[in-house]
């Protein structure tokens, strides 16, 4: 391989991306988790955090970025969200590129970019294939409320700020519909990893 093969994993909130990401990792993919990466970028005194504090002081408690407060404000104001994204995405994309280069240099030829905002950040351009997870809104709402401890109203605001199901179907190479059991999701993810490996290896 002359370069790593990069799979973008994205989809709707509460659609089971974490289960799919774990399955890819267990099948030999190096995972770049953009949520965890963003937590690091938002630590006090980073360039990213400083840039955000200068433009959006309302998201901060002192020098600490308050994710819950920011989410509440961002998902209620589409213009604010767009402005915020235009500020943070360059930092995220630069870090993604750095981590891809680092993974490749370490001998990782298969990379999964686990990125909830893959399309919003334009990071799909880095990917050879895109896998998206979708699920019914009632299923996703229940999962988000249970996982994040937020209200149904806040969950629906979050969904409204994201692409709808038809967007992911149209812009993805693989779709995992995650309304059933975890086992079914794992089997779907494993099948896709097998297809990708066969493609990469020329089988």
Protein backbone atom coordinates (compact mmCIF):
# COMPACT_ATOMS: atom_id res chain seq x y z
CA UNK A 1 0.00 0.00 0.00
CA UNK A 2 1.28 3.45 -0.94
CA UNK A 3 -1.11 5.19 1.43
CA UNK A 4 -3.58 4.22 4.15
CA UNK A 5 -7.12 3.21 3.27
CA UNK A 6 -9.42 5.49 5.24
CA UNK A 7 -13.01 4.68 6.16
CA UNK A 8 -15.23 7.50 7.41
CA UNK A 9 -17.82 6.46 9.99
CA UNK A 10 -20.65 8.87 10.66
CA UNK A 11 -24.43 9.00 11.01
CA UNK A 12 -27.25 10.22 13.16
CA UNK A 13 -26.93 10.75 16.90
CA UNK A 14 -28.00 7.63 18.76
CA UNK A 15 -27.68 5.41 15.69
CA UNK A 16 -25.11 3.00 17.11
CA UNK A 17 -21.82 4.37 15.76
CA UNK A 18 -19.90 3.32 18.87
CA UNK A 19 -20.83 -0.33 18.38
CA UNK A 20 -19.74 -0.17 14.74
CA UNK A 21 -16.49 1.59 15.63
CA UNK A 22 -15.62 -1.09 18.18
CA UNK A 23 -16.29 -3.81 15.62
CA UNK A 24 -13.99 -2.17 13.09
CA UNK A 25 -11.26 -1.88 15.72
CA UNK A 26 -11.61 -5.56 16.62
CA UNK A 27 -11.24 -6.38 12.94
CA UNK A 28 -7.88 -4.66 12.60
CA UNK A 29 -8.71 -1.01 11.86
CA UNK A 30 -6.87 1.79 13.62
CA UNK A 31 -9.58 4.09 15.01
CA UNK A 32 -9.37 7.87 15.19
CA UNK A 33 -12.20 8.88 17.49
CA UNK A 34 -13.04 12.51 16.74
CA UNK A 35 -15.18 12.97 19.86
CA UNK A 36 -12.28 11.98 22.12
CA UNK A 37 -9.89 14.01 20.00
CA UNK A 38 -12.10 17.10 20.33
CA UNK A 39 -12.13 16.70 24.12
CA UNK A 40 -8.35 17.04 24.00
CA UNK A 41 -8.49 20.05 21.68
CA UNK A 42 -10.88 21.74 24.15
CA UNK A 43 -8.54 21.44 27.11
CA UNK A 44 -7.62 24.81 28.65
CA UNK A 45 -4.69 26.67 27.06
CA UNK A 46 -4.82 24.85 23.72
CA UNK A 47 -4.87 27.05 20.61
CA UNK A 48 -8.33 25.71 19.79
CA UNK A 49 -9.70 26.51 23.22
CA UNK A 50 -8.21 30.00 23.17
CA UNK A 51 -9.77 30.73 19.77
CA UNK A 52 -13.17 29.55 20.95
CA UNK A 53 -13.02 31.50 24.21
CA UNK A 54 -12.23 34.68 22.32
CA UNK A 55 -15.29 34.30 20.06
CA UNK A 56 -17.70 32.46 22.37
CA UNK A 57 -17.04 33.35 26.01
CA UNK A 58 -20.60 32.28 26.86
CA UNK A 59 -19.51 28.64 26.46
CA UNK A 60 -16.92 28.89 29.22
CA UNK A 61 -16.74 28.71 33.00
CA UNK A 62 -13.51 30.57 33.57
CA UNK A 63 -11.01 28.83 31.29
CA UNK A 64 -13.03 25.61 31.12
CA UNK A 65 -15.19 24.85 28.08
CA UNK A 66 -18.64 23.77 29.32
CA UNK A 67 -19.82 21.21 26.76
CA UNK A 68 -23.35 20.93 28.15
CA UNK A 69 -23.85 24.70 28.16
CA UNK A 70 -22.40 25.01 24.66
CA UNK A 71 -24.59 22.22 23.31
CA UNK A 72 -27.72 23.81 24.76
CA UNK A 73 -26.95 27.12 23.05
CA UNK A 74 -25.65 25.71 19.77
CA UNK A 75 -28.50 23.33 19.08
CA UNK A 76 -30.99 26.16 19.63
CA UNK A 77 -29.37 28.57 17.16
CA UNK A 78 -28.41 27.37 13.68
CA UNK A 79 -26.42 30.52 12.84
CA UNK A 80 -24.41 30.26 16.04
CA UNK A 81 -23.75 26.58 15.31
CA UNK A 82 -22.55 27.39 11.80
CA UNK A 83 -20.23 30.09 13.12
CA UNK A 84 -18.89 27.81 15.85
CA UNK A 85 -18.25 25.01 13.36
CA UNK A 86 -16.33 27.34 11.06
CA UNK A 87 -14.05 28.14 14.01
CA UNK A 88 -13.45 24.66 15.40
CA UNK A 89 -13.38 22.53 12.22
CA UNK A 90 -9.99 23.79 10.96
CA UNK A 91 -8.43 22.68 14.26
CA UNK A 92 -10.20 19.32 14.08
CA UNK A 93 -9.21 18.69 10.46
CA UNK A 94 -5.58 19.60 11.12
CA UNK A 95 -5.48 17.14 14.02
CA UNK A 96 -7.18 14.43 11.94
CA UNK A 97 -4.53 14.83 9.23
CA UNK A 98 -1.75 14.70 11.81
CA UNK A 99 -3.14 11.52 13.36
CA UNK A 100 -3.60 9.84 9.99
CA UNK A 101 0.05 10.54 9.13
CA UNK A 102 1.12 9.28 12.55
CA UNK A 103 -0.93 6.08 12.21
CA UNK A 104 0.40 5.42 8.70
CA UNK A 105 3.99 5.99 9.85
CA UNK A 106 3.37 3.42 12.60
CA UNK A 107 2.31 0.81 10.05
CA UNK A 108 -1.48 1.15 10.20
CA UNK A 109 -2.83 0.74 6.68
CA UNK A 110 -6.52 0.52 7.57
CA UNK A 111 -7.89 3.56 9.41
CA UNK A 112 -11.40 4.26 10.66
CA UNK A 113 -12.22 7.93 11.09
CA UNK A 114 -15.07 7.91 13.62
CA UNK A 115 -16.52 11.38 13.01
CA UNK A 116 -20.10 12.40 13.87
CA UNK A 117 -19.62 15.63 11.88
CA UNK A 118 -17.70 14.05 9.01
CA UNK A 119 -19.66 15.84 6.28
CA UNK A 120 -20.04 19.14 8.14
CA UNK A 121 -16.25 19.33 8.58
CA UNK A 122 -15.59 18.32 4.98
CA UNK A 123 -13.53 15.39 6.27
CA UNK A 124 -15.24 12.96 3.91
CA UNK A 125 -12.75 14.22 1.31
CA UNK A 126 -10.04 12.34 3.22
CA UNK A 127 -11.95 9.06 3.02
CA UNK A 128 -11.87 6.24 0.50
CA UNK A 129 -15.29 5.03 1.61
CA UNK A 130 -18.01 6.25 3.98
CA UNK A 131 -20.11 4.14 6.34
CA UNK A 132 -23.17 5.78 7.90
CA UNK A 133 -25.43 4.56 10.69
CA UNK A 134 -29.10 5.38 10.74
CA UNK A 135 -32.01 4.44 13.02
CA UNK A 136 -35.63 5.38 13.64
CA UNK A 137 -36.09 8.62 15.56
CA UNK A 138 -37.88 6.95 18.49
CA UNK A 139 -35.00 4.52 18.91
CA UNK A 140 -32.41 7.27 18.71
CA UNK A 141 -34.29 9.52 21.11
CA UNK A 142 -34.45 6.80 23.76
CA UNK A 143 -30.75 6.04 23.36
CA UNK A 144 -29.67 9.68 23.58
CA UNK A 145 -31.81 10.41 26.64
CA UNK A 146 -30.41 7.34 28.40
CA UNK A 147 -26.80 7.90 27.31
CA UNK A 148 -26.44 11.67 27.79
CA UNK A 149 -29.01 12.33 30.49
CA UNK A 150 -30.78 15.03 28.47
CA UNK A 151 -34.46 15.78 27.95
CA UNK A 152 -36.47 14.62 24.96
CA UNK A 153 -36.75 18.25 23.85
CA UNK A 154 -32.96 18.66 23.87
CA UNK A 155 -32.52 15.38 22.01
CA UNK A 156 -34.91 16.54 19.28
CA UNK A 157 -33.09 19.89 19.00
CA UNK A 158 -29.86 17.98 18.46
CA UNK A 159 -31.44 15.87 15.73
CA UNK A 160 -32.85 18.97 14.01
CA UNK A 161 -29.33 20.38 13.66
CA UNK A 162 -28.10 17.28 11.83
CA UNK A 163 -28.56 15.83 8.36
CA UNK A 164 -31.61 13.67 7.85
CA UNK A 165 -31.65 9.99 6.95
CA UNK A 166 -31.95 10.60 3.21
CA UNK A 167 -28.75 12.67 3.20
CA UNK A 168 -26.72 9.83 4.72
CA UNK A 169 -28.23 7.28 2.34
CA UNK A 170 -27.38 9.47 -0.64
CA UNK A 171 -23.83 10.35 0.42
CA UNK A 172 -22.57 7.05 1.85
CA UNK A 173 -21.10 3.91 0.35
CA UNK A 174 -22.45 1.67 3.12
CA UNK A 175 -25.49 2.10 5.36
CA UNK A 176 -26.03 0.28 8.65
CA UNK A 177 -29.65 0.46 9.79
CA UNK A 178 -29.48 0.02 13.53
CA UNK A 179 -32.99 -0.53 14.84
CA UNK A 180 -32.47 -4.09 16.03
CA UNK A 181 -30.10 -5.93 18.32
CA UNK A 182 -26.45 -5.13 18.96
CA UNK A 183 -25.57 -8.50 17.47
CA UNK A 184 -27.19 -7.56 14.16
CA UNK A 185 -25.24 -4.30 14.13
CA UNK A 186 -21.99 -6.14 14.82
CA UNK A 187 -22.66 -8.59 12.00
CA UNK A 188 -23.37 -5.75 9.56
CA UNK A 189 -20.17 -3.97 10.56
CA UNK A 190 -18.11 -7.15 10.32
CA UNK A 191 -19.47 -7.81 6.84
CA UNK A 192 -18.39 -4.35 5.71
CA UNK A 193 -14.90 -4.75 7.20
CA UNK A 194 -14.54 -7.99 5.27
CA UNK A 195 -15.63 -6.33 2.02
CA UNK A 196 -13.15 -3.49 2.53
CA UNK A 197 -10.27 -5.84 3.33
CA UNK A 198 -11.01 -7.90 0.23
CA UNK A 199 -11.04 -4.72 -1.86
CA UNK A 200 -7.80 -3.41 -0.37
CA UNK A 201 -6.03 -6.74 -0.70
CA UNK A 202 -7.26 -7.19 -4.26
CA UNK A 203 -9.18 -10.40 -3.59
